[in-house]
């Protein structure tokens, strides 16, 4: 079945519509537009020339898509979402090249949200209704507000709480299996009238010998840190005071952990994407690192991280086949 075009829609000559895509009443699509298969373009949508839309995309009523916009597969765009492509618009002043805005696979944008020029909304991210997006949105992040801030992450597994065996009066966050072989480690805790003490010994409690440490503190509660993976570096995180949330992601599965006790550590191995957010005002996060600082060891682009994971998995499969 070819594309369906409602009798009251305008699709100009030269526009490309994929199989099974549907264009409904009072929509106007200009000649340079490329639309993939099985898309649903609802009433009163305007799409300018230099717009590329992937497959299985839903665009609800009242949306305008301007030059420079790229929408990947399986994206949902809610009613009356506003896209922009000129940071300083003036009447009759046209740019030679418009800012490129990218909405990646499986992302969803809620009704009446506004997306500023040059923004990338990451894979499977969720933009809340009415939000004003002024910065790039990381993959799987949930953002809301004006300006939009990260309020959560889309995770595939739920955290559960178990009672600490060393301190019956407290609880720790524990997950049986964390993505990418990350793991939570409960450190010894000694209660004393003079004050409490937590300790960790290398080869017994700690998973590696640290060559470097750093401390993160005074983080505004709305800001996000981390958002990267390491090629070789191992890390061990302990929130000495206050609390923060950590999302670990191996490219296939994600889990969110709350670090809120000085005797609870999170081990993050190489090639695990990690993000910390929702710090309390008094939070002090200690990070032990297995190597000295090397900027070349960082992977800061999520797509590059996914490509690295895929390459690693294919290499392992090849070794198994040869063996």
Protein backbone atom coordinates (compact mmCIF):
# COMPACT_ATOMS: atom_id res chain seq x y z
CA UNK A 1 0.00 0.00 0.00
CA UNK A 2 1.36 3.41 -0.96
CA UNK A 3 1.05 6.49 1.23
CA UNK A 4 -2.41 7.83 2.04
CA UNK A 5 -2.98 11.56 1.47
CA UNK A 6 -6.25 13.13 2.63
CA UNK A 7 -8.11 15.08 -0.05
CA UNK A 8 -7.73 18.28 2.00
CA UNK A 9 -3.96 17.89 2.51
CA UNK A 10 -1.30 19.49 0.29
CA UNK A 11 1.78 17.44 -0.57
CA UNK A 12 3.91 19.31 -3.09
CA UNK A 13 5.64 17.58 -5.98
CA UNK A 14 9.05 16.24 -4.99
CA UNK A 15 8.17 15.34 -1.40
CA UNK A 16 8.99 11.69 -0.61
CA UNK A 17 6.51 9.65 1.44
CA UNK A 18 7.26 6.09 2.51
CA UNK A 19 4.96 3.09 2.32
CA UNK A 20 1.87 3.06 4.55
CA UNK A 21 2.45 6.62 5.77
CA UNK A 22 -0.70 8.71 6.29
CA UNK A 23 -1.15 12.45 5.85
CA UNK A 24 -4.38 13.90 7.23
CA UNK A 25 -6.51 16.98 6.51
CA UNK A 26 -5.13 20.52 6.27
CA UNK A 27 -1.50 19.39 6.44
CA UNK A 28 0.99 21.06 4.07
CA UNK A 29 4.23 19.28 3.11
CA UNK A 30 6.78 21.12 0.95
CA UNK A 31 8.71 19.61 -1.93
CA UNK A 32 12.04 18.75 -0.27
CA UNK A 33 10.63 16.73 2.63
CA UNK A 34 11.58 13.06 3.11
CA UNK A 35 9.24 10.91 5.23
CA UNK A 36 9.82 7.22 6.00
CA UNK A 37 7.43 4.28 6.18
CA UNK A 38 4.33 3.93 8.36
CA UNK A 39 4.29 7.50 9.68
CA UNK A 40 1.14 9.26 10.89
CA UNK A 41 1.02 13.00 10.14
CA UNK A 42 -2.12 14.43 11.78
CA UNK A 43 -4.28 17.48 10.93
CA UNK A 44 -2.90 21.03 10.63
CA UNK A 45 0.80 20.09 10.38
CA UNK A 46 3.24 22.17 8.30
CA UNK A 47 6.56 20.64 7.16
CA UNK A 48 9.22 22.81 5.52
CA UNK A 49 11.63 21.68 2.77
CA UNK A 50 14.79 20.56 4.60
CA UNK A 51 13.12 18.17 7.03
CA UNK A 52 13.90 14.45 7.23
CA UNK A 53 11.55 12.14 9.11
CA UNK A 54 12.27 8.47 9.81
CA UNK A 55 9.84 5.56 9.91
CA UNK A 56 6.96 4.90 12.32
CA UNK A 57 6.91 8.52 13.49
CA UNK A 58 3.74 10.06 14.93
CA UNK A 59 3.24 13.82 14.59
CA UNK A 60 0.07 15.06 16.28
CA UNK A 61 -2.04 18.07 15.32
CA UNK A 62 -0.82 21.65 15.19
CA UNK A 63 2.92 21.03 14.78
CA UNK A 64 5.27 22.96 12.46
CA UNK A 65 8.53 21.37 11.39
CA UNK A 66 11.11 23.86 10.08
CA UNK A 67 14.23 23.56 7.93
CA UNK A 68 17.10 21.74 9.63
CA UNK A 69 15.00 19.29 11.62
CA UNK A 70 15.92 15.58 11.58
CA UNK A 71 13.54 13.11 13.24
CA UNK A 72 14.71 9.52 13.63
CA UNK A 73 12.59 6.36 13.73
CA UNK A 74 9.78 5.66 16.22
CA UNK A 75 9.53 9.23 17.55
CA UNK A 76 6.33 10.64 19.06
CA UNK A 77 5.66 14.38 18.79
CA UNK A 78 2.65 15.60 20.78
CA UNK A 79 0.10 18.24 19.75
CA UNK A 80 1.26 21.84 19.34
CA UNK A 81 4.94 21.12 19.95
CA UNK A 82 6.98 24.14 18.79
CA UNK A 83 10.31 23.71 16.99
CA UNK A 84 12.63 26.64 16.25
CA UNK A 85 15.62 26.96 13.91
CA UNK A 86 16.83 30.57 14.29
CA UNK A 87 18.20 31.76 17.66
CA UNK A 88 17.77 35.48 16.72
CA UNK A 89 14.93 35.72 14.18
CA UNK A 90 14.17 38.98 12.36
CA UNK A 91 11.48 39.63 9.81
CA UNK A 92 12.77 39.27 6.21
CA UNK A 93 16.19 38.14 7.45
CA UNK A 94 16.96 34.59 6.33
CA UNK A 95 19.91 32.45 7.36
CA UNK A 96 22.09 30.76 4.77
CA UNK A 97 22.04 27.64 6.91
CA UNK A 98 19.67 26.82 9.74
CA UNK A 99 20.60 25.15 13.01
CA UNK A 100 20.20 21.39 12.91
CA UNK A 101 17.84 19.96 15.51
CA UNK A 102 17.91 16.18 15.96
CA UNK A 103 15.28 14.00 17.65
CA UNK A 104 16.76 10.53 18.07
CA UNK A 105 15.10 7.11 18.00
CA UNK A 106 12.10 6.41 20.24
CA UNK A 107 12.13 9.85 21.86
CA UNK A 108 8.80 11.39 22.91
CA UNK A 109 7.97 15.09 23.13
CA UNK A 110 4.89 16.10 25.12
CA UNK A 111 2.18 18.55 24.10
CA UNK A 112 3.08 22.26 23.87
CA UNK A 113 6.79 21.70 24.49
CA UNK A 114 9.23 24.16 22.87
CA UNK A 115 12.55 22.97 21.41
CA UNK A 116 15.22 25.65 20.85
CA UNK A 117 17.49 25.60 17.76
CA UNK A 118 20.38 23.16 17.51
CA UNK A 119 19.11 20.85 20.24
CA UNK A 120 19.59 17.08 20.24
CA UNK A 121 16.98 15.04 22.10
CA UNK A 122 18.61 11.69 22.87
CA UNK A 123 17.45 8.16 22.24
CA UNK A 124 14.21 7.24 24.07
CA UNK A 125 14.25 10.52 26.04
CA UNK A 126 10.97 11.96 27.35
CA UNK A 127 10.21 15.70 27.16
CA UNK A 128 7.35 16.67 29.46
CA UNK A 129 4.33 18.65 28.28
CA UNK A 130 4.92 22.40 28.20
CA UNK A 131 8.67 22.11 28.76
CA UNK A 132 11.12 24.57 27.19
CA UNK A 133 14.21 22.65 26.08
CA UNK A 134 17.31 24.88 26.04
CA UNK A 135 20.05 22.21 26.26
CA UNK A 136 20.67 18.80 24.75
CA UNK A 137 18.64 16.04 26.38
CA UNK A 138 20.65 12.87 27.19
CA UNK A 139 19.46 9.46 26.07
CA UNK A 140 16.68 8.03 28.27
CA UNK A 141 16.43 11.23 30.33
CA UNK A 142 13.07 12.62 31.46
CA UNK A 143 13.03 16.43 31.36
CA UNK A 144 10.34 18.84 32.52
CA UNK A 145 9.90 22.54 33.26
CA UNK A 146 11.09 25.91 31.94
CA UNK A 147 13.95 25.63 31.37
CA UNK A 148 13.71 21.86 31.10
CA UNK A 149 15.67 19.96 33.75
CA UNK A 150 16.31 16.26 34.21
CA UNK A 151 13.84 14.87 36.72
CA UNK A 152 14.38 11.17 36.10
CA UNK A 153 15.52 8.49 33.70
CA UNK A 154 13.67 5.85 31.75
CA UNK A 155 14.97 2.60 33.27
CA UNK A 156 14.27 -1.02 32.43
CA UNK A 157 14.67 -2.39 35.94
CA UNK A 158 13.39 -1.32 39.32
CA UNK A 159 15.46 -0.85 42.44
CA UNK A 160 14.48 -2.62 45.63
CA UNK A 161 15.44 -1.97 49.23
CA UNK A 162 16.82 -4.54 51.63
CA UNK A 163 17.82 -4.07 55.23
CA UNK A 164 21.50 -3.73 55.97
CA UNK A 165 22.82 -6.74 57.89
CA UNK A 166 25.46 -4.63 59.62
CA UNK A 167 23.10 -1.91 60.79
CA UNK A 168 19.58 -3.12 61.49
CA UNK A 169 18.29 0.43 61.83
CA UNK A 170 19.09 1.47 58.27
CA UNK A 171 18.27 0.31 54.78
CA UNK A 172 20.45 0.16 51.70
CA UNK A 173 19.61 0.24 48.04
CA UNK A 174 20.34 -3.15 46.52
CA UNK A 175 19.82 -4.64 43.08
CA UNK A 176 20.53 -8.31 42.41
CA UNK A 177 22.00 -7.73 38.95
CA UNK A 178 23.19 -4.34 37.73
CA UNK A 179 23.90 -3.63 34.06
CA UNK A 180 27.41 -4.15 32.72
CA UNK A 181 28.60 -6.09 35.81
CA UNK A 182 28.35 -3.00 37.98
CA UNK A 183 27.63 -3.88 41.58
CA UNK A 184 26.80 -2.46 44.98
CA UNK A 185 29.17 -3.24 47.82
CA UNK A 186 28.22 -2.86 51.46
CA UNK A 187 31.27 -1.75 53.44
CA UNK A 188 31.89 -2.54 57.12
CA UNK A 189 30.21 -0.13 59.53
CA UNK A 190 31.24 0.25 63.17
CA UNK A 191 28.84 1.96 65.59
CA UNK A 192 30.38 3.70 68.57
CA UNK A 193 29.26 6.21 71.19
CA UNK A 194 32.12 8.42 70.01
CA UNK A 195 30.82 8.33 66.44
CA UNK A 196 30.39 5.83 63.59
CA UNK A 197 33.13 4.55 61.30
CA UNK A 198 33.07 2.89 57.89
CA UNK A 199 36.15 1.26 56.39
CA UNK A 200 37.18 -0.47 53.16
CA UNK A 201 40.24 -2.63 52.50
CA UNK A 202 41.74 -3.29 49.07
CA UNK A 203 41.43 -6.90 47.87
CA UNK A 204 38.81 -7.50 50.57
CA UNK A 205 36.10 -4.82 50.22
CA UNK A 206 37.28 -2.63 47.36
CA UNK A 207 37.45 -4.05 43.80
CA UNK A 208 40.74 -2.37 42.76
CA UNK A 209 43.67 -0.29 44.01
CA UNK A 210 42.98 3.38 43.37
CA UNK A 211 45.52 5.65 41.67
CA UNK A 212 43.36 8.74 42.01
CA UNK A 213 40.40 10.08 43.95
CA UNK A 214 38.15 13.11 43.64
CA UNK A 215 35.30 14.53 45.66
CA UNK A 216 32.10 16.06 44.25
CA UNK A 217 30.19 18.49 46.47
CA UNK A 218 28.13 21.70 46.42
CA UNK A 219 26.26 20.47 43.32
CA UNK A 220 23.07 22.43 42.56
CA UNK A 221 20.26 19.92 42.97
CA UNK A 222 19.00 20.46 39.41
CA UNK A 223 22.34 19.82 37.73
CA UNK A 224 23.59 16.54 36.27
CA UNK A 225 27.12 15.13 36.43
CA UNK A 226 28.83 12.18 34.83
CA UNK A 227 27.07 11.37 31.57
CA UNK A 228 29.98 9.38 30.19
CA UNK A 229 31.65 5.98 30.09
CA UNK A 230 35.31 4.95 30.32
CA UNK A 231 37.22 2.66 27.98
CA UNK A 232 39.50 1.18 30.67
CA UNK A 233 38.98 3.10 33.93
CA UNK A 234 37.19 1.54 36.89
CA UNK A 235 35.39 3.66 39.48
CA UNK A 236 34.05 3.19 42.99
CA UNK A 237 31.50 5.72 44.28
CA UNK A 238 30.56 6.36 47.91
CA UNK A 239 28.25 9.16 48.99
CA UNK A 240 29.84 10.17 52.30
CA UNK A 241 27.09 12.64 53.18
CA UNK A 242 23.61 13.34 51.82
CA UNK A 243 22.49 11.39 48.78
CA UNK A 244 22.49 11.26 45.00
CA UNK A 245 21.07 9.03 42.31
CA UNK A 246 23.19 7.13 39.81
CA UNK A 247 21.98 5.61 36.54
CA UNK A 248 24.12 2.81 35.10
CA UNK A 249 23.60 1.71 31.50
CA UNK A 250 25.33 -1.09 29.55
CA UNK A 251 23.72 -0.16 26.23
CA UNK A 252 20.89 -2.66 26.67
CA UNK A 253 19.68 -2.29 30.24
CA UNK A 254 19.58 0.57 32.74
CA UNK A 255 19.14 0.74 36.49
CA UNK A 256 18.89 3.63 38.92
CA UNK A 257 20.56 3.44 42.33
CA UNK A 258 20.31 5.73 45.33
CA UNK A 259 23.60 6.25 47.18
CA UNK A 260 22.67 7.57 50.60
CA UNK A 261 24.97 5.87 53.12
CA UNK A 262 28.73 6.17 53.75
CA UNK A 263 29.03 2.37 53.98
CA UNK A 264 27.44 1.73 50.57
CA UNK A 265 29.64 1.81 47.47
CA UNK A 266 28.89 1.44 43.78
CA UNK A 267 31.48 -0.24 41.56
CA UNK A 268 31.34 0.92 37.91
CA UNK A 269 33.50 -1.13 35.50
CA UNK A 270 34.72 0.07 32.10
CA UNK A 271 32.23 0.50 29.25
CA UNK A 272 29.28 1.32 31.50
CA UNK A 273 27.54 4.65 30.91
CA UNK A 274 26.98 6.40 34.24
CA UNK A 275 25.09 9.54 35.20
CA UNK A 276 24.68 11.15 38.62
CA UNK A 277 21.85 13.54 39.40
CA UNK A 278 19.43 14.73 42.08
CA UNK A 279 22.16 15.54 44.58
CA UNK A 280 20.93 16.76 47.94
CA UNK A 281 22.33 20.14 48.97
CA UNK A 282 24.65 18.54 51.53
CA UNK A 283 25.81 15.67 49.31
CA UNK A 284 29.52 14.76 49.29
CA UNK A 285 30.43 12.06 46.75
CA UNK A 286 33.82 10.32 46.95
CA UNK A 287 35.04 8.68 43.72
CA UNK A 288 38.00 6.28 43.64
CA UNK A 289 39.54 5.75 40.19
CA UNK A 290 41.77 2.89 39.04
CA UNK A 291 43.92 5.12 36.80
CA UNK A 292 45.26 8.65 36.59
CA UNK A 293 43.27 11.21 34.63
CA UNK A 294 43.35 10.58 30.88
CA UNK A 295 40.93 12.55 28.69
CA UNK A 296 41.34 9.95 25.91
CA UNK A 297 39.76 7.32 28.16
CA UNK A 298 36.43 9.18 28.29
CA UNK A 299 33.49 8.41 26.00
CA UNK A 300 31.18 11.42 26.18
CA UNK A 301 28.92 10.70 23.19
CA UNK A 302 26.22 8.09 23.86
CA UNK A 303 26.09 6.98 20.21
CA UNK A 304 29.86 6.41 20.24
CA UNK A 305 29.40 4.40 23.45
CA UNK A 306 26.72 2.22 21.81
CA UNK A 307 28.98 1.67 18.81
CA UNK A 308 31.79 0.60 21.15
CA UNK A 309 29.50 -1.86 22.94
CA UNK A 310 28.38 -3.33 19.62
CA UNK A 311 31.99 -3.64 18.42
CA UNK A 312 32.97 -5.36 21.67
CA UNK A 313 30.05 -7.79 21.48
CA UNK A 314 30.80 -8.65 17.85
CA UNK A 315 34.44 -9.25 18.75
CA UNK A 316 33.45 -11.63 21.55
CA UNK A 317 31.15 -13.54 19.20
CA UNK A 318 33.96 -13.82 16.66
CA UNK A 319 36.33 -15.21 19.31
CA UNK A 320 33.72 -17.78 20.37
CA UNK A 321 33.20 -18.82 16.75
CA UNK A 322 36.93 -19.22 16.11
CA UNK A 323 37.35 -21.14 19.34
